[in-house]
Amino acid sequence: MSYTVLNTILFSLIGLFIYFFFAYNYLKFRKIKIDFSFIKTVFLLVFIGSLLRLFSEPGLSIPLLVESSSNLFSFNFYLQYPQLFLLLGLFFILFSEISLYFKNKFFWDYNKFLQTIFLIILVPLLFFCLVNLAHSFYFFFVIVISIFCLWLFVLVFKFTKINLFKSKINQFAFFSQILDGFATICAIYFFPNNFVEEHVLPNFLISISPFLFLVVKLLVCLFLIYIIDNVIKNNYQNNYFKLFIIILGFTTGLRDLFTIGLFVSF
């Protein structure tokens, strides 16, 4: 899909409505706690979605299992981005309700049940992708440098006695954006003839300098986390806004990371 200013705004508005109105009210209505355990649950689902997207991408070292379709009545249509995440959202609601039932009936832990289900799906997908890596060096390079960058920021903020990264959720949110940024830069820098940024604003920044894109991305993330912590005092809403940053970062970051690792040709 080619991204323009118009469809970027349209998809953004639809996504914001679903996330901040429908999903938020569902979680509030069902009294689901938004904490680090819940965020890990959602992360696993985002990870599944990011890997499933790869099976509709040509030129990778894994089979093209999902043929492109614009037919609303074709299941393949809902396995493509962004429809895939609507499908995963419905999948989440279904198993969320099952988990709530077991929680109320048998006192099972809500998040542990969902995490178990999601891991059962994720592990074979992840294993299959890892054993088919075509560019292991670049794949692990992005992971290592992203972890190092997070560690460096945490160390600097701790040394300067700034409490921004005392929260695991803050660290996770920032790491999601670090991973996304470095995966994008790695793809464009090492494979300039094969990868191009599809989104309008990032593409503008990258056209000036890929590292400008990374710097702006991380500064904006730090600024948003700071604002959320200092403006939104309600812990539930505070964590929910940070979860949005996490979803945005890992949705594209994990997809780009594995695309680099599995890339063969277009």
Protein backbone atom coordinates (compact mmCIF):
# COMPACT_ATOMS: atom_id res chain seq x y z
CA MET A 1 0.00 0.00 0.00
CA SER A 2 1.21 3.47 -0.90
CA TYR A 3 0.83 6.00 1.90
CA THR A 4 -0.30 9.54 1.15
CA VAL A 5 -1.12 12.46 3.42
CA LEU A 6 -4.84 11.75 2.93
CA ASN A 7 -4.90 8.03 3.73
CA THR A 8 -2.37 8.53 6.54
CA ILE A 9 -4.76 10.99 8.21
CA LEU A 10 -7.74 8.70 7.54
CA PHE A 11 -6.08 5.56 8.94
CA SER A 12 -4.77 7.55 11.91
CA LEU A 13 -8.23 8.88 12.78
CA ILE A 14 -9.79 5.43 12.49
CA GLY A 15 -7.02 3.89 14.61
CA LEU A 16 -7.30 6.60 17.26
CA PHE A 17 -11.07 6.17 17.45
CA ILE A 18 -10.81 2.39 17.85
CA TYR A 19 -8.03 2.62 20.44
CA PHE A 20 -9.16 5.55 22.57
CA PHE A 21 -12.91 5.03 22.35
CA PHE A 22 -13.86 1.44 21.60
CA ALA A 23 -10.91 -0.45 23.14
CA TYR A 24 -10.59 1.90 26.12
CA ASN A 25 -14.28 1.66 27.02
CA TYR A 26 -14.25 -2.10 26.61
CA LEU A 27 -11.35 -2.45 29.06
CA LYS A 28 -12.94 -0.02 31.50
CA PHE A 29 -16.31 -1.77 31.28
CA ARG A 30 -14.76 -5.19 31.88
CA LYS A 31 -12.60 -3.74 34.69
CA ILE A 32 -9.36 -4.99 33.17
CA LYS A 33 -6.33 -3.55 34.92
CA ILE A 34 -3.79 -1.76 32.73
CA ASP A 35 -0.46 -2.66 34.32
CA PHE A 36 2.87 -4.05 33.12
CA SER A 37 1.49 -7.58 33.05
CA PHE A 38 -1.34 -6.51 30.74
CA ILE A 39 1.11 -4.57 28.57
CA LYS A 40 3.19 -7.76 28.16
CA THR A 41 0.01 -9.56 27.12
CA VAL A 42 -0.74 -6.98 24.44
CA PHE A 43 2.91 -7.03 23.32
CA LEU A 44 2.65 -10.77 22.60
CA LEU A 45 -0.42 -10.15 20.43
CA VAL A 46 1.34 -7.31 18.58
CA PHE A 47 4.32 -9.65 18.05
CA ILE A 48 1.99 -12.25 16.53
CA GLY A 49 0.48 -9.65 14.22
CA SER A 50 3.88 -8.37 13.12
CA LEU A 51 5.03 -11.88 12.20
CA LEU A 52 1.78 -12.74 10.42
CA ARG A 53 2.23 -9.67 8.23
CA LEU A 54 5.44 -11.18 6.89
CA PHE A 55 3.56 -13.99 5.17
CA SER A 56 1.94 -11.48 2.82
CA GLU A 57 5.26 -9.77 1.96
CA PRO A 58 7.05 -10.86 -1.26
CA GLY A 59 10.81 -11.32 -1.46
CA LEU A 60 11.33 -12.94 1.94
CA SER A 61 12.90 -16.30 2.82
CA ILE A 62 9.54 -17.59 4.07
CA PRO A 63 6.63 -18.70 1.87
CA LEU A 64 4.10 -16.16 0.61
CA LEU A 65 1.05 -17.73 2.25
CA VAL A 66 -1.32 -14.76 2.03
CA GLU A 67 -2.20 -13.61 -1.48
CA SER A 68 -3.20 -9.97 -1.79
CA SER A 69 -6.96 -9.48 -1.96
CA SER A 70 -9.30 -6.48 -2.04
CA ASN A 71 -12.41 -8.65 -1.70
CA LEU A 72 -14.20 -7.91 1.58
CA PHE A 73 -15.56 -11.46 1.60
CA SER A 74 -12.13 -13.07 1.27
CA PHE A 75 -10.37 -14.17 4.46
CA ASN A 76 -7.04 -13.10 2.90
CA PHE A 77 -8.32 -9.52 2.91
CA TYR A 78 -8.34 -9.60 6.72
CA LEU A 79 -4.85 -11.08 6.91
CA GLN A 80 -3.39 -7.95 5.30
CA TYR A 81 -2.40 -4.73 7.05
CA PRO A 82 -4.20 -2.77 8.50
CA GLN A 83 -7.20 -5.13 8.53
CA LEU A 84 -5.07 -7.76 10.24
CA PHE A 85 -4.98 -5.75 13.46
CA LEU A 86 -8.76 -5.41 13.44
CA LEU A 87 -8.92 -9.20 13.18
CA LEU A 88 -6.43 -9.54 16.03
CA GLY A 89 -8.50 -7.07 18.05
CA LEU A 90 -11.56 -9.30 17.70
CA PHE A 91 -9.36 -12.30 18.54
CA PHE A 92 -8.22 -10.49 21.68
CA ILE A 93 -11.80 -9.69 22.76
CA LEU A 94 -12.83 -13.32 22.28
CA PHE A 95 -10.03 -14.72 24.42
CA SER A 96 -10.30 -11.85 26.86
CA GLU A 97 -13.88 -12.87 27.55
CA ILE A 98 -12.83 -16.51 27.94
CA SER A 99 -10.07 -15.46 30.34
CA LEU A 100 -12.49 -13.33 32.36
CA TYR A 101 -14.84 -16.29 32.59
CA PHE A 102 -12.09 -18.54 33.95
CA LYS A 103 -10.98 -15.77 36.28
CA ASN A 104 -14.46 -15.40 37.77
CA LYS A 105 -15.22 -19.12 37.76
CA PHE A 106 -11.91 -20.67 38.78
CA PHE A 107 -9.87 -17.63 39.92
CA TRP A 108 -7.36 -18.06 37.10
CA ASP A 109 -5.00 -15.17 36.45
CA TYR A 110 -6.39 -13.10 33.56
CA ASN A 111 -3.05 -12.14 31.98
CA LYS A 112 -1.31 -15.47 32.52
CA PHE A 113 -4.11 -17.28 30.68
CA LEU A 114 -3.93 -14.88 27.71
CA GLN A 115 -0.13 -14.92 27.68
CA THR A 116 -0.17 -18.72 27.54
CA ILE A 117 -2.57 -18.72 24.59
CA PHE A 118 -0.58 -16.07 22.74
CA LEU A 119 2.75 -17.82 23.41
CA ILE A 120 1.35 -21.07 21.99
CA ILE A 121 0.68 -19.18 18.76
CA LEU A 122 3.79 -16.99 18.82
CA VAL A 123 6.53 -19.54 19.58
CA PRO A 124 6.16 -21.68 16.40
CA LEU A 125 5.82 -18.53 14.25
CA LEU A 126 8.93 -17.03 15.84
CA PHE A 127 10.90 -20.26 15.56
CA PHE A 128 9.96 -20.64 11.88
CA CYS A 129 11.08 -17.08 11.12
CA LEU A 130 14.34 -17.41 13.07
CA VAL A 131 15.42 -20.62 11.34
CA ASN A 132 14.76 -18.97 7.96
CA LEU A 133 16.79 -15.81 8.62
CA ALA A 134 18.74 -14.74 5.54
CA HIS A 135 20.56 -11.84 7.22
CA SER A 136 21.27 -12.90 10.78
CA PHE A 137 24.00 -10.28 11.26
CA TYR A 138 21.76 -7.28 10.53
CA PHE A 139 18.87 -8.83 12.46
CA PHE A 140 20.88 -9.27 15.67
CA PHE A 141 22.80 -6.05 15.09
CA VAL A 142 19.54 -4.07 15.35
CA ILE A 143 18.54 -5.94 18.52
CA VAL A 144 21.93 -5.48 20.21
CA ILE A 145 22.30 -1.79 19.35
CA SER A 146 18.70 -1.12 20.45
CA ILE A 147 19.29 -2.79 23.82
CA PHE A 148 22.59 -0.93 24.21
CA CYS A 149 20.90 2.38 23.40
CA LEU A 150 18.18 1.75 26.00
CA TRP A 151 20.80 0.79 28.61
CA LEU A 152 22.76 3.96 27.83
CA PHE A 153 19.72 6.21 28.23
CA VAL A 154 18.67 4.50 31.47
CA LEU A 155 22.22 4.90 32.82
CA VAL A 156 22.41 8.60 31.86
CA PHE A 157 19.01 9.38 33.35
CA LYS A 158 19.90 7.50 36.52
CA PHE A 159 23.22 9.35 36.81
CA THR A 160 21.48 12.72 36.34
CA LYS A 161 18.81 11.67 38.86
CA ILE A 162 15.98 12.11 36.37
CA ASN A 163 13.27 9.58 37.25
CA LEU A 164 11.86 9.12 33.76
CA PHE A 165 13.06 5.51 33.44
CA LYS A 166 12.33 4.21 36.93
CA SER A 167 9.15 2.71 35.46
CA LYS A 168 9.41 -0.54 33.48
CA ILE A 169 6.54 0.66 31.32
CA ASN A 170 8.48 3.82 30.42
CA GLN A 171 11.53 1.75 29.51
CA PHE A 172 9.41 -0.61 27.40
CA ALA A 173 7.73 2.30 25.60
CA PHE A 174 11.07 3.92 24.83
CA PHE A 175 12.60 0.62 23.71
CA SER A 176 9.74 0.07 21.24
CA GLN A 177 10.61 3.34 19.53
CA ILE A 178 14.37 2.66 19.65
CA LEU A 179 13.85 -0.69 17.94
CA ASP A 180 11.59 0.85 15.32
CA GLY A 181 14.08 3.65 14.65
CA PHE A 182 17.16 1.46 14.32
CA ALA A 183 15.33 -1.14 12.21
CA THR A 184 14.27 1.61 9.80
CA ILE A 185 17.77 3.10 9.60
CA CYS A 186 19.38 -0.31 9.13
CA ALA A 187 17.01 -1.18 6.27
CA ILE A 188 17.57 2.12 4.46
CA TYR A 189 21.32 2.34 5.14
CA PHE A 190 22.33 -1.25 4.30
CA PHE A 191 19.67 -1.98 1.64
CA PRO A 192 19.09 1.43 0.01
CA ASN A 193 17.92 -0.06 -3.29
CA ASN A 194 15.32 -2.32 -1.71
CA PHE A 195 13.74 -0.45 1.20
CA VAL A 196 12.04 2.91 1.41
CA GLU A 197 10.07 4.50 4.25
CA GLU A 198 6.37 4.35 3.33
CA HIS A 199 4.96 6.83 5.85
CA VAL A 200 4.83 10.49 4.91
CA LEU A 201 6.43 12.33 7.87
CA PRO A 202 9.21 9.77 8.56
CA ASN A 203 10.01 9.73 4.85
CA PHE A 204 10.42 13.53 4.90
CA LEU A 205 12.84 13.36 7.85
CA ILE A 206 14.78 10.47 6.34
CA SER A 207 15.12 12.40 3.08
CA ILE A 208 17.08 15.00 5.08
CA SER A 209 19.02 12.44 7.16
CA PRO A 210 18.18 8.95 8.47
CA PHE A 211 19.82 9.86 11.77
CA LEU A 212 17.68 13.00 12.02
CA PHE A 213 14.66 10.69 11.83
CA LEU A 214 16.03 8.61 14.72
CA VAL A 215 16.91 11.62 16.87
CA VAL A 216 13.50 13.27 16.32
CA LYS A 217 11.72 9.98 16.98
CA LEU A 218 13.48 9.39 20.30
CA LEU A 219 13.15 13.00 21.43
CA VAL A 220 9.43 12.98 20.67
CA CYS A 221 9.05 9.70 22.57
CA LEU A 222 10.90 11.09 25.61
CA PHE A 223 8.79 14.25 25.47
CA LEU A 224 5.53 12.26 25.28
CA ILE A 225 6.49 10.02 28.20
CA TYR A 226 7.44 13.08 30.24
CA ILE A 227 4.14 14.83 29.41
CA ILE A 228 2.09 11.72 30.17
CA ASP A 229 3.77 11.27 33.55
CA ASN A 230 3.34 14.92 34.52
CA VAL A 231 -0.12 15.63 33.11
CA ILE A 232 -2.05 12.36 33.33
CA LYS A 233 -2.15 11.51 37.03
CA ASN A 234 -4.75 8.77 36.68
CA ASN A 235 -2.64 5.59 36.67
CA TYR A 236 -5.07 3.69 34.42
CA GLN A 237 -5.08 6.39 31.73
CA ASN A 238 -1.37 7.01 32.17
CA ASN A 239 -0.50 3.40 31.37
CA TYR A 240 -3.04 3.27 28.55
CA PHE A 241 -1.42 6.22 26.76
CA LYS A 242 2.00 4.60 27.13
CA LEU A 243 0.60 1.34 25.78
CA PHE A 244 -0.33 3.28 22.65
CA ILE A 245 3.33 4.31 22.21
CA ILE A 246 4.39 0.70 22.75
CA ILE A 247 1.94 -0.66 20.17
CA LEU A 248 2.98 1.91 17.57
CA GLY A 249 6.67 1.18 18.10
CA PHE A 250 6.57 -2.59 18.08
CA THR A 251 3.97 -2.90 15.30
CA THR A 252 6.37 -1.39 12.76
CA GLY A 253 9.63 -2.12 14.60
CA LEU A 254 9.18 -5.87 14.80
CA ARG A 255 7.86 -6.05 11.24
CA ASP A 256 10.87 -4.09 9.94
CA LEU A 257 13.32 -6.08 12.07
CA PHE A 258 12.14 -9.42 10.68
CA THR A 259 11.82 -8.04 7.15
CA ILE A 260 15.52 -7.15 7.29
CA GLY A 261 16.39 -10.59 8.64
CA LEU A 262 14.27 -12.48 6.12
CA PHE A 263 14.88 -10.27 3.10
CA VAL A 264 16.01 -12.03 -0.09
CA SER A 265 14.80 -9.92 -3.00
CA PHE A 266 11.79 -8.14 -4.43
